Amino acid sequence: GCGNGQDRSAATARTSALVAVDVTAVKRNLDQVVAGLKEVRDASDSADIKQLFSKLQKPAGQLRESLAAVRASSERAIVAGTAQKDEWRKQADAFSDADLRNASSTRQNNLRGAVDALAVSSTTLKSNGDSYVAQLDQLLAALDLDLSQQGLHAVKPSVTRLIGDEANLRDSLNNVAIKSNAVNGVLTGPNYRNESGKGQ
């Protein structure tokens, strides 16, 4: 009983810890995309537009993939956290000791709150990430159609907008990392051992 509960909790904590790792990868890719966008924005009339385009293409693809990875790891953390909360509720129902029941109930509520907050921030990130990637894809498609100075000038307003929107996407990423760390904090918090009866 008790050992399995701790194993499950540790596994759930590991799952939620992966979200922040995936967020770091997205930020790295986003840095490269923004660097590429700034090169396009600041390009002179003699710039090699084809080279600017291909320099932007690879990190754009990596950004798309890494955002999908964060979405998947957040989803796994939400599912695992919800299952953990249900498990704790079952355990609490079996406690005859009121103090143990109350401690367990507090922990369940903390975990529910943390998982719900992660779900909200994950939805916001999906929306902001999808919007950013869609704009980036349109920009790349437009540039690919016309790799001339005229084509470059035509996309510059979109480039400027994407550089501006980066802060919004980065905030969403930071928020998901903070919220997944909060789930982790409930699972690995200092009270966990005592509440499970192990430390007493």
C-alpha atoms as a PDB file:
ATOM      1  CA  GLY A   1       0.000   0.000   0.000  1.00  0.00           C
ATOM      2  CA  CYS A   2       2.199   2.829   1.284  1.00  0.00           C
ATOM      3  CA  GLY A   3       5.217   2.071  -0.891  1.00  0.00           C
ATOM      4  CA  ASN A   4       3.107   1.983  -4.039  1.00  0.00           C
ATOM      5  CA  GLY A   5       1.502   5.295  -3.122  1.00  0.00           C
ATOM      6  CA  GLN A   6       4.900   6.934  -2.797  1.00  0.00           C
ATOM      7  CA  ASP A   7       6.081   5.370  -6.068  1.00  0.00           C
ATOM      8  CA  ARG A   8       3.004   6.693  -7.868  1.00  0.00           C
ATOM      9  CA  SER A   9       3.466  10.142  -6.354  1.00  0.00           C
ATOM     10  CA  ALA A  10       7.153  10.176  -7.367  1.00  0.00           C
ATOM     11  CA  ALA A  11       6.231   9.090 -10.915  1.00  0.00           C
ATOM     12  CA  THR A  12       3.608  11.850 -11.117  1.00  0.00           C
ATOM     13  CA  ALA A  13       6.173  14.366  -9.867  1.00  0.00           C
ATOM     14  CA  ARG A  14       8.639  13.218 -12.545  1.00  0.00           C
ATOM     15  CA  THR A  15       5.939  13.640 -15.192  1.00  0.00           C
ATOM     16  CA  SER A  16       5.179  17.208 -14.117  1.00  0.00           C
ATOM     17  CA  ALA A  17       8.903  18.047 -13.902  1.00  0.00           C
ATOM     18  CA  LEU A  18       9.324  17.211 -17.613  1.00  0.00           C
ATOM     19  CA  VAL A  19       7.065  20.112 -18.626  1.00  0.00           C
ATOM     20  CA  ALA A  20       9.626  22.722 -17.534  1.00  0.00           C
ATOM     21  CA  VAL A  21      12.357  20.849 -19.445  1.00  0.00           C
ATOM     22  CA  ASP A  22      10.235  20.951 -22.617  1.00  0.00           C
ATOM     23  CA  VAL A  23       9.472  24.660 -22.057  1.00  0.00           C
ATOM     24  CA  THR A  24      13.228  25.380 -21.985  1.00  0.00           C
ATOM     25  CA  ALA A  25      13.580  23.726 -25.415  1.00  0.00           C
ATOM     26  CA  VAL A  26      10.774  25.887 -26.852  1.00  0.00           C
ATOM     27  CA  LYS A  27      12.417  29.053 -25.511  1.00  0.00           C
ATOM     28  CA  ARG A  28      15.687  28.091 -27.195  1.00  0.00           C
ATOM     29  CA  ASN A  29      13.887  27.592 -30.520  1.00  0.00           C
ATOM     30  CA  LEU A  30      11.934  30.818 -30.050  1.00  0.00           C
ATOM     31  CA  ASP A  31      15.214  32.715 -29.493  1.00  0.00           C
ATOM     32  CA  GLN A  32      16.502  31.375 -32.826  1.00  0.00           C
ATOM     33  CA  VAL A  33      13.266  32.251 -34.634  1.00  0.00           C
ATOM     34  CA  VAL A  34      13.315  35.811 -33.278  1.00  0.00           C
ATOM     35  CA  ALA A  35      17.004  36.196 -34.201  1.00  0.00           C
ATOM     36  CA  GLY A  36      16.113  35.077 -37.756  1.00  0.00           C
ATOM     37  CA  LEU A  37      13.120  37.441 -37.874  1.00  0.00           C
ATOM     38  CA  LYS A  38      15.303  40.368 -36.791  1.00  0.00           C
ATOM     39  CA  GLU A  39      17.763  39.567 -39.582  1.00  0.00           C
ATOM     40  CA  VAL A  40      14.872  39.668 -42.070  1.00  0.00           C
ATOM     41  CA  ARG A  41      13.567  42.930 -40.572  1.00  0.00           C
ATOM     42  CA  ASP A  42      17.003  44.578 -40.694  1.00  0.00           C
ATOM     43  CA  ALA A  43      18.017  43.160 -44.089  1.00  0.00           C
ATOM     44  CA  SER A  44      19.628  45.599 -46.485  1.00  0.00           C
ATOM     45  CA  ASP A  45      18.717  45.855 -50.165  1.00  0.00           C
ATOM     46  CA  SER A  46      21.739  43.723 -51.044  1.00  0.00           C
ATOM     47  CA  ALA A  47      20.861  40.927 -48.567  1.00  0.00           C
ATOM     48  CA  ASP A  48      20.721  37.286 -49.692  1.00  0.00           C
ATOM     49  CA  ILE A  49      17.005  36.752 -49.158  1.00  0.00           C
ATOM     50  CA  LYS A  50      17.156  33.052 -49.939  1.00  0.00           C
ATOM     51  CA  GLN A  51      19.728  32.582 -47.175  1.00  0.00           C
ATOM     52  CA  LEU A  52      17.626  34.612 -44.705  1.00  0.00           C
ATOM     53  CA  PHE A  53      14.627  32.458 -45.601  1.00  0.00           C
ATOM     54  CA  SER A  54      16.426  29.135 -45.083  1.00  0.00           C
ATOM     55  CA  LYS A  55      17.951  30.382 -41.812  1.00  0.00           C
ATOM     56  CA  LEU A  56      14.445  31.031 -40.513  1.00  0.00           C
ATOM     57  CA  GLN A  57      12.879  27.854 -41.858  1.00  0.00           C
ATOM     58  CA  LYS A  58      14.705  25.325 -39.644  1.00  0.00           C
ATOM     59  CA  PRO A  59      14.098  26.971 -36.233  1.00  0.00           C
ATOM     60  CA  ALA A  60      10.472  27.606 -37.273  1.00  0.00           C
ATOM     61  CA  GLY A  61      10.011  23.851 -37.751  1.00  0.00           C
ATOM     62  CA  GLN A  62      11.768  23.142 -34.452  1.00  0.00           C
ATOM     63  CA  LEU A  63       9.560  25.690 -32.683  1.00  0.00           C
ATOM     64  CA  ARG A  64       6.452  23.949 -34.012  1.00  0.00           C
ATOM     65  CA  GLU A  65       7.716  20.540 -32.812  1.00  0.00           C
ATOM     66  CA  SER A  66       8.842  21.751 -29.391  1.00  0.00           C
ATOM     67  CA  LEU A  67       5.511  23.515 -28.767  1.00  0.00           C
ATOM     68  CA  ALA A  68       3.748  20.223 -29.546  1.00  0.00           C
ATOM     69  CA  ALA A  69       6.070  18.482 -27.051  1.00  0.00           C
ATOM     70  CA  VAL A  70       5.132  20.963 -24.290  1.00  0.00           C
ATOM     71  CA  ARG A  71       1.461  20.442 -25.072  1.00  0.00           C
ATOM     72  CA  ALA A  72       1.906  16.662 -24.790  1.00  0.00           C
ATOM     73  CA  SER A  73       3.935  16.802 -21.559  1.00  0.00           C
ATOM     74  CA  SER A  74       1.443  19.265 -19.974  1.00  0.00           C
ATOM     75  CA  GLU A  75      -1.396  16.934 -20.923  1.00  0.00           C
ATOM     76  CA  ARG A  76       0.414  13.970 -19.335  1.00  0.00           C
ATOM     77  CA  ALA A  77       1.069  15.993 -16.164  1.00  0.00           C
ATOM     78  CA  ILE A  78      -2.616  17.000 -15.962  1.00  0.00           C
ATOM     79  CA  VAL A  79      -3.778  13.384 -16.417  1.00  0.00           C
ATOM     80  CA  ALA A  80      -1.219  12.058 -13.900  1.00  0.00           C
ATOM     81  CA  GLY A  81      -2.036  14.799 -11.377  1.00  0.00           C
ATOM     82  CA  THR A  82      -5.761  14.116 -11.652  1.00  0.00           C
ATOM     83  CA  ALA A  83      -5.206  10.365 -11.171  1.00  0.00           C
ATOM     84  CA  GLN A  84      -2.991  11.095  -8.134  1.00  0.00           C
ATOM     85  CA  LYS A  85      -5.684  13.323  -6.605  1.00  0.00           C
ATOM     86  CA  ASP A  86      -8.294  10.561  -7.082  1.00  0.00           C
ATOM     87  CA  GLU A  87      -5.928   8.056  -5.482  1.00  0.00           C
ATOM     88  CA  TRP A  88      -5.419  10.335  -2.473  1.00  0.00           C
ATOM     89  CA  ARG A  89      -9.177  10.771  -2.149  1.00  0.00           C
ATOM     90  CA  LYS A  90      -9.642   6.978  -2.022  1.00  0.00           C
ATOM     91  CA  GLN A  91      -6.929   6.722   0.628  1.00  0.00           C
ATOM     92  CA  ALA A  92      -8.481   9.532   2.673  1.00  0.00           C
ATOM     93  CA  ASP A  93     -11.879   7.824   2.599  1.00  0.00           C
ATOM     94  CA  ALA A  94     -10.243   4.806   4.239  1.00  0.00           C
ATOM     95  CA  PHE A  95      -8.684   6.832   7.099  1.00  0.00           C
ATOM     96  CA  SER A  96     -10.586   6.578  10.376  1.00  0.00           C
ATOM     97  CA  ASP A  97      -8.324   9.221  11.975  1.00  0.00           C
ATOM     98  CA  ALA A  98      -9.817  12.720  11.497  1.00  0.00           C
ATOM     99  CA  ASP A  99      -6.401  14.451  11.458  1.00  0.00           C
ATOM    100  CA  LEU A 100      -5.113  12.163   8.733  1.00  0.00           C
ATOM    101  CA  ARG A 101      -8.329  12.660   6.751  1.00  0.00           C
ATOM    102  CA  ASN A 102      -8.049  16.461   7.055  1.00  0.00           C
ATOM    103  CA  ALA A 103      -4.373  16.489   6.078  1.00  0.00           C
ATOM    104  CA  SER A 104      -5.141  14.310   3.076  1.00  0.00           C
ATOM    105  CA  SER A 105      -8.106  16.481   2.107  1.00  0.00           C
ATOM    106  CA  THR A 106      -5.928  19.624   2.208  1.00  0.00           C
ATOM    107  CA  ARG A 107      -3.363  17.933   0.003  1.00  0.00           C
ATOM    108  CA  GLN A 108      -6.045  16.818  -2.486  1.00  0.00           C
ATOM    109  CA  ASN A 109      -7.404  20.376  -2.679  1.00  0.00           C
ATOM    110  CA  ASN A 110      -3.911  21.793  -3.193  1.00  0.00           C
ATOM    111  CA  LEU A 111      -3.260  19.317  -5.978  1.00  0.00           C
ATOM    112  CA  ARG A 112      -6.643  19.948  -7.605  1.00  0.00           C
ATOM    113  CA  GLY A 113      -5.945  23.701  -7.571  1.00  0.00           C
ATOM    114  CA  ALA A 114      -2.454  23.217  -9.012  1.00  0.00           C
ATOM    115  CA  VAL A 115      -3.648  20.830 -11.753  1.00  0.00           C
ATOM    116  CA  ASP A 116      -6.545  23.140 -12.702  1.00  0.00           C
ATOM    117  CA  ALA A 117      -4.146  26.101 -12.927  1.00  0.00           C
ATOM    118  CA  LEU A 118      -1.811  24.059 -15.160  1.00  0.00           C
ATOM    119  CA  ALA A 119      -4.768  23.130 -17.392  1.00  0.00           C
ATOM    120  CA  VAL A 120      -5.741  26.813 -17.792  1.00  0.00           C
ATOM    121  CA  SER A 121      -2.176  27.933 -18.553  1.00  0.00           C
ATOM    122  CA  SER A 122      -1.754  25.015 -20.966  1.00  0.00           C
ATOM    123  CA  THR A 123      -4.894  26.087 -22.886  1.00  0.00           C
ATOM    124  CA  THR A 124      -3.592  29.676 -23.087  1.00  0.00           C
ATOM    125  CA  LEU A 125      -0.231  28.437 -24.369  1.00  0.00           C
ATOM    126  CA  LYS A 126      -1.945  26.286 -27.013  1.00  0.00           C
ATOM    127  CA  SER A 127      -3.911  29.295 -28.241  1.00  0.00           C
ATOM    128  CA  ASN A 128      -0.907  31.665 -28.273  1.00  0.00           C
ATOM    129  CA  GLY A 129       1.424  29.014 -29.705  1.00  0.00           C
ATOM    130  CA  ASP A 130      -1.003  28.043 -32.502  1.00  0.00           C
ATOM    131  CA  SER A 131      -1.531  31.683 -33.416  1.00  0.00           C
ATOM    132  CA  TYR A 132       2.212  32.436 -33.460  1.00  0.00           C
ATOM    133  CA  VAL A 133       3.098  29.369 -35.534  1.00  0.00           C
ATOM    134  CA  ALA A 134       0.252  30.073 -37.999  1.00  0.00           C
ATOM    135  CA  GLN A 135       1.546  33.641 -38.540  1.00  0.00           C
ATOM    136  CA  LEU A 136       5.103  32.344 -38.874  1.00  0.00           C
ATOM    137  CA  ASP A 137       4.016  29.702 -41.437  1.00  0.00           C
ATOM    138  CA  GLN A 138       2.153  32.351 -43.465  1.00  0.00           C
ATOM    139  CA  LEU A 139       5.198  34.607 -43.390  1.00  0.00           C
ATOM    140  CA  LEU A 140       7.487  31.803 -44.582  1.00  0.00           C
ATOM    141  CA  ALA A 141       5.023  30.841 -47.321  1.00  0.00           C
ATOM    142  CA  ALA A 142       4.783  34.464 -48.525  1.00  0.00           C
ATOM    143  CA  LEU A 143       8.564  34.842 -48.512  1.00  0.00           C
ATOM    144  CA  ASP A 144       8.996  31.533 -50.316  1.00  0.00           C
ATOM    145  CA  LEU A 145       6.661  32.720 -53.105  1.00  0.00           C
ATOM    146  CA  ASP A 146       8.659  35.884 -53.690  1.00  0.00           C
ATOM    147  CA  LEU A 147      12.331  35.826 -52.689  1.00  0.00           C
ATOM    148  CA  SER A 148      12.899  39.309 -54.115  1.00  0.00           C
ATOM    149  CA  GLN A 149      13.446  42.697 -52.467  1.00  0.00           C
ATOM    150  CA  GLN A 150       9.814  43.464 -53.236  1.00  0.00           C
ATOM    151  CA  GLY A 151       8.728  40.237 -51.501  1.00  0.00           C
ATOM    152  CA  LEU A 152      10.924  41.080 -48.540  1.00  0.00           C
ATOM    153  CA  HIS A 153       9.423  44.568 -48.153  1.00  0.00           C
ATOM    154  CA  ALA A 154       5.917  43.091 -48.377  1.00  0.00           C
ATOM    155  CA  VAL A 155       6.466  40.769 -45.394  1.00  0.00           C
ATOM    156  CA  LYS A 156       8.271  43.254 -43.116  1.00  0.00           C
ATOM    157  CA  PRO A 157       5.078  44.356 -41.272  1.00  0.00           C
ATOM    158  CA  SER A 158       4.353  40.659 -40.478  1.00  0.00           C
ATOM    159  CA  VAL A 159       7.941  40.208 -39.322  1.00  0.00           C
ATOM    160  CA  THR A 160       7.654  43.199 -36.972  1.00  0.00           C
ATOM    161  CA  ARG A 161       4.357  41.841 -35.604  1.00  0.00           C
ATOM    162  CA  LEU A 162       5.895  38.410 -34.921  1.00  0.00           C
ATOM    163  CA  ILE A 163       8.859  39.990 -33.126  1.00  0.00           C
ATOM    164  CA  GLY A 164       6.360  41.936 -30.986  1.00  0.00           C
ATOM    165  CA  ASP A 165       4.192  38.861 -30.258  1.00  0.00           C
ATOM    166  CA  GLU A 166       7.183  36.894 -29.001  1.00  0.00           C
ATOM    167  CA  ALA A 167       6.847  38.378 -25.490  1.00  0.00           C
ATOM    168  CA  ASN A 168       3.264  37.123 -25.242  1.00  0.00           C
ATOM    169  CA  LEU A 169       4.265  33.582 -26.242  1.00  0.00           C
ATOM    170  CA  ARG A 170       7.219  33.661 -23.823  1.00  0.00           C
ATOM    171  CA  ASP A 171       4.885  34.728 -20.967  1.00  0.00           C
ATOM    172  CA  SER A 172       2.605  31.780 -21.752  1.00  0.00           C
ATOM    173  CA  LEU A 173       5.598  29.428 -21.718  1.00  0.00           C
ATOM    174  CA  ASN A 174       6.854  30.787 -18.393  1.00  0.00           C
ATOM    175  CA  ASN A 175       3.373  30.431 -16.933  1.00  0.00           C
ATOM    176  CA  VAL A 176       3.110  26.756 -17.924  1.00  0.00           C
ATOM    177  CA  ALA A 177       6.544  26.084 -16.401  1.00  0.00           C
ATOM    178  CA  ILE A 178       5.555  27.846 -13.144  1.00  0.00           C
ATOM    179  CA  LYS A 179       2.227  25.976 -12.954  1.00  0.00           C
ATOM    180  CA  SER A 180       3.820  22.577 -13.645  1.00  0.00           C
ATOM    181  CA  ASN A 181       6.393  23.308 -10.940  1.00  0.00           C
ATOM    182  CA  ALA A 182       3.499  24.098  -8.574  1.00  0.00           C
ATOM    183  CA  VAL A 183       1.969  20.657  -9.290  1.00  0.00           C
ATOM    184  CA  ASN A 184       5.378  19.191  -8.580  1.00  0.00           C
ATOM    185  CA  GLY A 185       5.601  21.184  -5.333  1.00  0.00           C
ATOM    186  CA  VAL A 186       2.358  19.688  -4.012  1.00  0.00           C
ATOM    187  CA  LEU A 187       3.572  16.176  -4.876  1.00  0.00           C
ATOM    188  CA  THR A 188       7.043  16.536  -3.385  1.00  0.00           C
ATOM    189  CA  GLY A 189       6.208  19.046  -0.646  1.00  0.00           C
ATOM    190  CA  PRO A 190       7.714  18.781   2.839  1.00  0.00           C
ATOM    191  CA  ASN A 191       4.424  17.535   4.333  1.00  0.00           C
ATOM    192  CA  TYR A 192       4.095  14.609   1.986  1.00  0.00           C
ATOM    193  CA  ARG A 193       5.964  12.079   4.121  1.00  0.00           C
ATOM    194  CA  ASN A 194       4.126  12.950   7.311  1.00  0.00           C
ATOM    195  CA  GLU A 195       0.714  12.978   5.725  1.00  0.00           C
ATOM    196  CA  SER A 196       1.261   9.566   4.223  1.00  0.00           C
ATOM    197  CA  GLY A 197       1.956   8.261   7.715  1.00  0.00           C
ATOM    198  CA  LYS A 198       5.558   7.404   6.858  1.00  0.00           C
ATOM    199  CA  GLY A 199       7.232  10.098   8.960  1.00  0.00           C
ATOM    200  CA  GLN A 200       5.302   9.515  12.164  1.00  0.00           C
END
